Amino acid sequence: MPDVLIRAIPKKTLDAVKRKAARRGRSLQQELKLAIERLGAEADFDYVEYVSQVRERIASYAPNQSDSVDLLREDRKR
């Protein structure tokens, strides 16, 4: 498994992570490893694609609904 070296972490930040790790009964290394793993898992999620799918699903339930963007812009101009 590869190692990672991160330089110049502010002391305040490192102290905060150490406190969180201690409260959770983990070492600093365990806490950081979990945080990086979570970050890596989030990177795979495509929010734009998800929202697009939700919009398509909503459109299939109510196909005759208009997009309200133009109406809102018109109303704001008043």
PDB file of N, CA and C in Angstrom:
ATOM      1  N   MET A   1       0.854  -1.170   0.000  1.00  0.00           N
ATOM      2  CA  MET A   1       0.000   0.000   0.000  1.00  0.00           C
ATOM      3  C   MET A   1       0.903   1.238   0.000  1.00  0.00           C
ATOM      4  N   PRO A   2       0.628   2.228  -0.857  1.00  0.00           N
ATOM      5  CA  PRO A   2       1.479   3.421  -0.923  1.00  0.00           C
ATOM      6  C   PRO A   2       1.339   4.309   0.315  1.00  0.00           C
ATOM      7  N   ASP A   3       2.369   5.084   0.569  1.00  0.00           N
ATOM      8  CA  ASP A   3       2.370   6.060   1.653  1.00  0.00           C
ATOM      9  C   ASP A   3       2.191   7.454   1.069  1.00  0.00           C
ATOM     10  N   VAL A   4       1.687   8.357   1.904  1.00  0.00           N
ATOM     11  CA  VAL A   4       1.484   9.748   1.497  1.00  0.00           C
ATOM     12  C   VAL A   4       2.129  10.641   2.554  1.00  0.00           C
ATOM     13  N   LEU A   5       2.828  11.660   2.102  1.00  0.00           N
ATOM     14  CA  LEU A   5       3.431  12.633   3.007  1.00  0.00           C
ATOM     15  C   LEU A   5       2.801  13.989   2.712  1.00  0.00           C
ATOM     16  N   ILE A   6       2.254  14.614   3.742  1.00  0.00           N
ATOM     17  CA  ILE A   6       1.640  15.934   3.580  1.00  0.00           C
ATOM     18  C   ILE A   6       2.429  16.903   4.447  1.00  0.00           C
ATOM     19  N   ARG A   7       2.952  17.937   3.822  1.00  0.00           N
ATOM     20  CA  ARG A   7       3.780  18.915   4.537  1.00  0.00           C
ATOM     21  C   ARG A   7       2.979  20.184   4.856  1.00  0.00           C
ATOM     22  N   ALA A   8       3.466  20.902   5.816  1.00  0.00           N
ATOM     23  CA  ALA A   8       2.983  22.247   6.165  1.00  0.00           C
ATOM     24  C   ALA A   8       1.499  22.280   6.544  1.00  0.00           C
ATOM     25  N   ILE A   9       1.072  21.325   7.348  1.00  0.00           N
ATOM     26  CA  ILE A   9      -0.298  21.361   7.875  1.00  0.00           C
ATOM     27  C   ILE A   9      -0.299  22.326   9.056  1.00  0.00           C
ATOM     28  N   PRO A  10      -1.204  23.282   9.079  1.00  0.00           N
ATOM     29  CA  PRO A  10      -1.240  24.222  10.209  1.00  0.00           C
ATOM     30  C   PRO A  10      -1.429  23.482  11.543  1.00  0.00           C
ATOM     31  N   LYS A  11      -0.716  23.933  12.557  1.00  0.00           N
ATOM     32  CA  LYS A  11      -0.777  23.290  13.870  1.00  0.00           C
ATOM     33  C   LYS A  11      -2.207  23.238  14.394  1.00  0.00           C
ATOM     34  N   LYS A  12      -2.948  24.308  14.202  1.00  0.00           N
ATOM     35  CA  LYS A  12      -4.338  24.365  14.670  1.00  0.00           C
ATOM     36  C   LYS A  12      -5.169  23.245  14.031  1.00  0.00           C
ATOM     37  N   THR A  13      -4.969  23.021  12.743  1.00  0.00           N
ATOM     38  CA  THR A  13      -5.707  21.978  12.034  1.00  0.00           C
ATOM     39  C   THR A  13      -5.312  20.596  12.542  1.00  0.00           C
ATOM     40  N   LEU A  14      -4.021  20.370  12.665  1.00  0.00           N
ATOM     41  CA  LEU A  14      -3.531  19.073  13.130  1.00  0.00           C
ATOM     42  C   LEU A  14      -4.015  18.781  14.544  1.00  0.00           C
ATOM     43  N   ASP A  15      -3.976  19.782  15.411  1.00  0.00           N
ATOM     44  CA  ASP A  15      -4.464  19.602  16.786  1.00  0.00           C
ATOM     45  C   ASP A  15      -5.947  19.240  16.804  1.00  0.00           C
ATOM     46  N   ALA A  16      -6.728  19.871  15.940  1.00  0.00           N
ATOM     47  CA  ALA A  16      -8.161  19.581  15.884  1.00  0.00           C
ATOM     48  C   ALA A  16      -8.408  18.141  15.438  1.00  0.00           C
ATOM     49  N   VAL A  17      -7.659  17.675  14.453  1.00  0.00           N
ATOM     50  CA  VAL A  17      -7.817  16.297  13.977  1.00  0.00           C
ATOM     51  C   VAL A  17      -7.378  15.313  15.058  1.00  0.00           C
ATOM     52  N   LYS A  18      -6.311  15.650  15.773  1.00  0.00           N
ATOM     53  CA  LYS A  18      -5.857  14.785  16.872  1.00  0.00           C
ATOM     54  C   LYS A  18      -6.928  14.663  17.948  1.00  0.00           C
ATOM     55  N   ARG A  19      -7.585  15.787  18.284  1.00  0.00           N
ATOM     56  CA  ARG A  19      -8.646  15.758  19.299  1.00  0.00           C
ATOM     57  C   ARG A  19      -9.814  14.898  18.826  1.00  0.00           C
ATOM     58  N   LYS A  20     -10.207  15.060  17.554  1.00  0.00           N
ATOM     59  CA  LYS A  20     -11.297  14.236  17.016  1.00  0.00           C
ATOM     60  C   LYS A  20     -10.942  12.758  17.073  1.00  0.00           C
ATOM     61  N   ALA A  21      -9.728  12.437  16.688  1.00  0.00           N
ATOM     62  CA  ALA A  21      -9.284  11.041  16.705  1.00  0.00           C
ATOM     63  C   ALA A  21      -9.349  10.483  18.123  1.00  0.00           C
ATOM     64  N   ALA A  22      -8.869  11.259  19.086  1.00  0.00           N
ATOM     65  CA  ALA A  22      -8.872  10.804  20.479  1.00  0.00           C
ATOM     66  C   ALA A  22     -10.294  10.575  20.983  1.00  0.00           C
ATOM     67  N   ARG A  23     -11.207  11.495  20.655  1.00  0.00           N
ATOM     68  CA  ARG A  23     -12.605  11.344  21.076  1.00  0.00           C
ATOM     69  C   ARG A  23     -13.236  10.087  20.493  1.00  0.00           C
ATOM     70  N   ARG A  24     -12.784   9.708  19.316  1.00  0.00           N
ATOM     71  CA  ARG A  24     -13.347   8.534  18.633  1.00  0.00           C
ATOM     72  C   ARG A  24     -12.561   7.255  18.923  1.00  0.00           C
ATOM     73  N   GLY A  25     -11.544   7.376  19.771  1.00  0.00           N
ATOM     74  CA  GLY A  25     -10.759   6.207  20.143  1.00  0.00           C
ATOM     75  C   GLY A  25      -9.869   5.690  19.019  1.00  0.00           C
ATOM     76  N   ARG A  26      -9.433   6.599  18.161  1.00  0.00           N
ATOM     77  CA  ARG A  26      -8.571   6.212  17.049  1.00  0.00           C
ATOM     78  C   ARG A  26      -7.255   6.969  17.120  1.00  0.00           C
ATOM     79  N   SER A  27      -6.264   6.415  16.442  1.00  0.00           N
ATOM     80  CA  SER A  27      -4.995   7.123  16.314  1.00  0.00           C
ATOM     81  C   SER A  27      -5.143   8.198  15.251  1.00  0.00           C
ATOM     82  N   LEU A  28      -4.178   9.109  15.219  1.00  0.00           N
ATOM     83  CA  LEU A  28      -4.187  10.147  14.188  1.00  0.00           C
ATOM     84  C   LEU A  28      -4.141   9.509  12.805  1.00  0.00           C
ATOM     85  N   GLN A  29      -3.300   8.499  12.640  1.00  0.00           N
ATOM     86  CA  GLN A  29      -3.184   7.829  11.346  1.00  0.00           C
ATOM     87  C   GLN A  29      -4.504   7.184  10.934  1.00  0.00           C
ATOM     88  N   GLN A  30      -5.180   6.513  11.861  1.00  0.00           N
ATOM     89  CA  GLN A  30      -6.474   5.901  11.540  1.00  0.00           C
ATOM     90  C   GLN A  30      -7.497   6.956  11.125  1.00  0.00           C
ATOM     91  N   GLU A  31      -7.518   8.059  11.860  1.00  0.00           N
ATOM     92  CA  GLU A  31      -8.483   9.131  11.569  1.00  0.00           C
ATOM     93  C   GLU A  31      -8.239   9.718  10.185  1.00  0.00           C
ATOM     94  N   LEU A  32      -6.984   9.984   9.872  1.00  0.00           N
ATOM     95  CA  LEU A  32      -6.650  10.547   8.561  1.00  0.00           C
ATOM     96  C   LEU A  32      -6.919   9.549   7.440  1.00  0.00           C
ATOM     97  N   LYS A  33      -6.610   8.288   7.677  1.00  0.00           N
ATOM     98  CA  LYS A  33      -6.864   7.261   6.666  1.00  0.00           C
ATOM     99  C   LYS A  33      -8.359   7.164   6.360  1.00  0.00           C
ATOM    100  N   LEU A  34      -9.188   7.173   7.391  1.00  0.00           N
ATOM    101  CA  LEU A  34     -10.640   7.128   7.179  1.00  0.00           C
ATOM    102  C   LEU A  34     -11.133   8.354   6.418  1.00  0.00           C
ATOM    103  N   ALA A  35     -10.600   9.519   6.770  1.00  0.00           N
ATOM    104  CA  ALA A  35     -11.007  10.751   6.084  1.00  0.00           C
ATOM    105  C   ALA A  35     -10.647  10.691   4.603  1.00  0.00           C
ATOM    106  N   ILE A  36      -9.454  10.197   4.297  1.00  0.00           N
ATOM    107  CA  ILE A  36      -9.024  10.098   2.897  1.00  0.00           C
ATOM    108  C   ILE A  36      -9.864   9.058   2.149  1.00  0.00           C
ATOM    109  N   GLU A  37     -10.182   7.947   2.809  1.00  0.00           N
ATOM    110  CA  GLU A  37     -11.025   6.931   2.169  1.00  0.00           C
ATOM    111  C   GLU A  37     -12.414   7.488   1.855  1.00  0.00           C
ATOM    112  N   ARG A  38     -12.978   8.254   2.791  1.00  0.00           N
ATOM    113  CA  ARG A  38     -14.292   8.876   2.543  1.00  0.00           C
ATOM    114  C   ARG A  38     -14.209   9.852   1.373  1.00  0.00           C
ATOM    115  N   LEU A  39     -13.157  10.634   1.346  1.00  0.00           N
ATOM    116  CA  LEU A  39     -12.963  11.592   0.262  1.00  0.00           C
ATOM    117  C   LEU A  39     -12.860  10.874  -1.078  1.00  0.00           C
ATOM    118  N   GLY A  40     -12.139   9.779  -1.100  1.00  0.00           N
ATOM    119  CA  GLY A  40     -12.005   8.997  -2.326  1.00  0.00           C
ATOM    120  C   GLY A  40     -13.327   8.416  -2.780  1.00  0.00           C
ATOM    121  N   ALA A  41     -14.160   7.977  -1.855  1.00  0.00           N
ATOM    122  CA  ALA A  41     -15.465   7.423  -2.204  1.00  0.00           C
ATOM    123  C   ALA A  41     -16.386   8.504  -2.754  1.00  0.00           C
ATOM    124  N   GLU A  42     -16.316   9.713  -2.189  1.00  0.00           N
ATOM    125  CA  GLU A  42     -17.157  10.811  -2.659  1.00  0.00           C
ATOM    126  C   GLU A  42     -16.780  11.255  -4.062  1.00  0.00           C
ATOM    127  N   ALA A  43     -15.509  11.145  -4.401  1.00  0.00           N
ATOM    128  CA  ALA A  43     -15.043  11.621  -5.698  1.00  0.00           C
ATOM    129  C   ALA A  43     -15.697  10.871  -6.853  1.00  0.00           C
ATOM    130  N   ASP A  44     -16.160   9.653  -6.605  1.00  0.00           N
ATOM    131  CA  ASP A  44     -16.769   8.861  -7.666  1.00  0.00           C
ATOM    132  C   ASP A  44     -18.229   9.232  -7.921  1.00  0.00           C
ATOM    133  N   PHE A  45     -18.827   9.968  -7.008  1.00  0.00           N
ATOM    134  CA  PHE A  45     -20.242  10.303  -7.158  1.00  0.00           C
ATOM    135  C   PHE A  45     -20.389  11.500  -8.087  1.00  0.00           C
ATOM    136  N   ASP A  46     -21.170  11.336  -9.136  1.00  0.00           N
ATOM    137  CA  ASP A  46     -21.384  12.388 -10.132  1.00  0.00           C
ATOM    138  C   ASP A  46     -22.700  13.101  -9.822  1.00  0.00           C
ATOM    139  N   TYR A  47     -22.609  14.234  -9.128  1.00  0.00           N
ATOM    140  CA  TYR A  47     -23.802  14.965  -8.719  1.00  0.00           C
ATOM    141  C   TYR A  47     -24.592  15.490  -9.916  1.00  0.00           C
ATOM    142  N   VAL A  48     -23.901  15.924 -10.945  1.00  0.00           N
ATOM    143  CA  VAL A  48     -24.581  16.457 -12.126  1.00  0.00           C
ATOM    144  C   VAL A  48     -25.419  15.360 -12.775  1.00  0.00           C
ATOM    145  N   GLU A  49     -24.860  14.179 -12.905  1.00  0.00           N
ATOM    146  CA  GLU A  49     -25.594  13.053 -13.495  1.00  0.00           C
ATOM    147  C   GLU A  49     -26.785  12.673 -12.617  1.00  0.00           C
ATOM    148  N   TYR A  50     -26.590  12.669 -11.308  1.00  0.00           N
ATOM    149  CA  TYR A  50     -27.678  12.328 -10.385  1.00  0.00           C
ATOM    150  C   TYR A  50     -28.839  13.310 -10.514  1.00  0.00           C
ATOM    151  N   VAL A  51     -28.529  14.590 -10.537  1.00  0.00           N
ATOM    152  CA  VAL A  51     -29.584  15.606 -10.664  1.00  0.00           C
ATOM    153  C   VAL A  51     -30.295  15.466 -12.003  1.00  0.00           C
ATOM    154  N   SER A  52     -29.546  15.174 -13.038  1.00  0.00           N
ATOM    155  CA  SER A  52     -30.139  14.965 -14.360  1.00  0.00           C
ATOM    156  C   SER A  52     -31.118  13.796 -14.338  1.00  0.00           C
ATOM    157  N   GLN A  53     -30.747  12.723 -13.672  1.00  0.00           N
ATOM    158  CA  GLN A  53     -31.633  11.558 -13.565  1.00  0.00           C
ATOM    159  C   GLN A  53     -32.888  11.889 -12.769  1.00  0.00           C
ATOM    160  N   VAL A  54     -32.740  12.647 -11.707  1.00  0.00           N
ATOM    161  CA  VAL A  54     -33.901  13.038 -10.899  1.00  0.00           C
ATOM    162  C   VAL A  54     -34.847  13.897 -11.729  1.00  0.00           C
ATOM    163  N   ARG A  55     -34.295  14.841 -12.491  1.00  0.00           N
ATOM    164  CA  ARG A  55     -35.139  15.699 -13.343  1.00  0.00           C
ATOM    165  C   ARG A  55     -35.898  14.870 -14.377  1.00  0.00           C
ATOM    166  N   GLU A  56     -35.231  13.885 -14.959  1.00  0.00           N
ATOM    167  CA  GLU A  56     -35.894  13.023 -15.938  1.00  0.00           C
ATOM    168  C   GLU A  56     -37.021  12.230 -15.295  1.00  0.00           C
ATOM    169  N   ARG A  57     -36.778  11.725 -14.085  1.00  0.00           N
ATOM    170  CA  ARG A  57     -37.811  10.977 -13.371  1.00  0.00           C
ATOM    171  C   ARG A  57     -39.018  11.864 -13.077  1.00  0.00           C
ATOM    172  N   ILE A  58     -38.760  13.072 -12.613  1.00  0.00           N
ATOM    173  CA  ILE A  58     -39.849  14.001 -12.314  1.00  0.00           C
ATOM    174  C   ILE A  58     -40.612  14.328 -13.587  1.00  0.00           C
ATOM    175  N   ALA A  59     -39.903  14.546 -14.680  1.00  0.00           N
ATOM    176  CA  ALA A  59     -40.548  14.853 -15.958  1.00  0.00           C
ATOM    177  C   ALA A  59     -41.418  13.687 -16.424  1.00  0.00           C
ATOM    178  N   SER A  60     -41.028  12.463 -16.117  1.00  0.00           N
ATOM    179  CA  SER A  60     -41.845  11.315 -16.535  1.00  0.00           C
ATOM    180  C   SER A  60     -43.142  11.231 -15.733  1.00  0.00           C
ATOM    181  N   TYR A  61     -43.132  11.726 -14.491  1.00  0.00           N
ATOM    182  CA  TYR A  61     -44.352  11.723 -13.674  1.00  0.00           C
ATOM    183  C   TYR A  61     -45.296  12.844 -14.079  1.00  0.00           C
ATOM    184  N   ALA A  62     -44.739  13.960 -14.482  1.00  0.00           N
ATOM    185  CA  ALA A  62     -45.543  15.132 -14.824  1.00  0.00           C
ATOM    186  C   ALA A  62     -44.999  15.743 -16.115  1.00  0.00           C
ATOM    187  N   PRO A  63     -45.248  15.111 -17.248  1.00  0.00           N
ATOM    188  CA  PRO A  63     -44.634  15.559 -18.501  1.00  0.00           C
ATOM    189  C   PRO A  63     -45.087  16.930 -18.990  1.00  0.00           C
ATOM    190  N   ASN A  64     -46.213  17.415 -18.542  1.00  0.00           N
ATOM    191  CA  ASN A  64     -46.745  18.684 -19.039  1.00  0.00           C
ATOM    192  C   ASN A  64     -46.349  19.877 -18.180  1.00  0.00           C
ATOM    193  N   GLN A  65     -45.449  19.673 -17.229  1.00  0.00           N
ATOM    194  CA  GLN A  65     -45.017  20.768 -16.378  1.00  0.00           C
ATOM    195  C   GLN A  65     -44.002  21.633 -17.121  1.00  0.00           C
ATOM    196  N   SER A  66     -44.173  22.930 -17.007  1.00  0.00           N
ATOM    197  CA  SER A  66     -43.254  23.838 -17.684  1.00  0.00           C
ATOM    198  C   SER A  66     -42.081  24.181 -16.765  1.00  0.00           C
ATOM    199  N   ASP A  67     -41.026  24.649 -17.356  1.00  0.00           N
ATOM    200  CA  ASP A  67     -39.872  25.109 -16.599  1.00  0.00           C
ATOM    201  C   ASP A  67     -40.189  26.512 -16.088  1.00  0.00           C
ATOM    202  N   SER A  68     -40.074  26.721 -14.804  1.00  0.00           N
ATOM    203  CA  SER A  68     -40.476  27.993 -14.207  1.00  0.00           C
ATOM    204  C   SER A  68     -39.380  29.054 -14.247  1.00  0.00           C
ATOM    205  N   VAL A  69     -38.226  28.750 -14.795  1.00  0.00           N
ATOM    206  CA  VAL A  69     -37.112  29.698 -14.801  1.00  0.00           C
ATOM    207  C   VAL A  69     -37.503  30.994 -15.504  1.00  0.00           C
ATOM    208  N   ASP A  70     -38.094  30.892 -16.686  1.00  0.00           N
ATOM    209  CA  ASP A  70     -38.484  32.100 -17.415  1.00  0.00           C
ATOM    210  C   ASP A  70     -39.520  32.913 -16.645  1.00  0.00           C
ATOM    211  N   LEU A  71     -40.462  32.240 -16.013  1.00  0.00           N
ATOM    212  CA  LEU A  71     -41.487  32.945 -15.231  1.00  0.00           C
ATOM    213  C   LEU A  71     -40.850  33.670 -14.038  1.00  0.00           C
ATOM    214  N   LEU A  72     -39.901  33.023 -13.379  1.00  0.00           N
ATOM    215  CA  LEU A  72     -39.234  33.659 -12.243  1.00  0.00           C
ATOM    216  C   LEU A  72     -38.419  34.874 -12.681  1.00  0.00           C
ATOM    217  N   ARG A  73     -37.716  34.752 -13.789  1.00  0.00           N
ATOM    218  CA  ARG A  73     -36.937  35.886 -14.293  1.00  0.00           C
ATOM    219  C   ARG A  73     -37.847  37.062 -14.639  1.00  0.00           C
ATOM    220  N   GLU A  74     -38.952  36.757 -15.268  1.00  0.00           N
ATOM    221  CA  GLU A  74     -39.918  37.799 -15.636  1.00  0.00           C
ATOM    222  C   GLU A  74     -40.464  38.496 -14.404  1.00  0.00           C
ATOM    223  N   ASP A  75     -40.763  37.692 -13.383  1.00  0.00           N
ATOM    224  CA  ASP A  75     -41.326  38.246 -12.152  1.00  0.00           C
ATOM    225  C   ASP A  75     -40.290  39.122 -11.434  1.00  0.00           C
ATOM    226  N   ARG A  76     -39.041  38.764 -11.466  1.00  0.00           N
ATOM    227  CA  ARG A  76     -37.997  39.532 -10.794  1.00  0.00           C
ATOM    228  C   ARG A  76     -37.733  40.871 -11.465  1.00  0.00           C
ATOM    229  N   LYS A  77     -38.035  40.949 -12.744  1.00  0.00           N
ATOM    230  CA  LYS A  77     -37.823  42.207 -13.477  1.00  0.00           C
ATOM    231  C   LYS A  77     -38.829  43.270 -13.079  1.00  0.00           C
ATOM    232  N   ARG A  78     -39.933  42.877 -12.497  1.00  0.00           N
ATOM    233  CA  ARG A  78     -40.967  43.843 -12.134  1.00  0.00           C
ATOM    234  C   ARG A  78     -40.560  44.723 -10.991  1.00  0.00           C
TER     235      ARG A  78
END
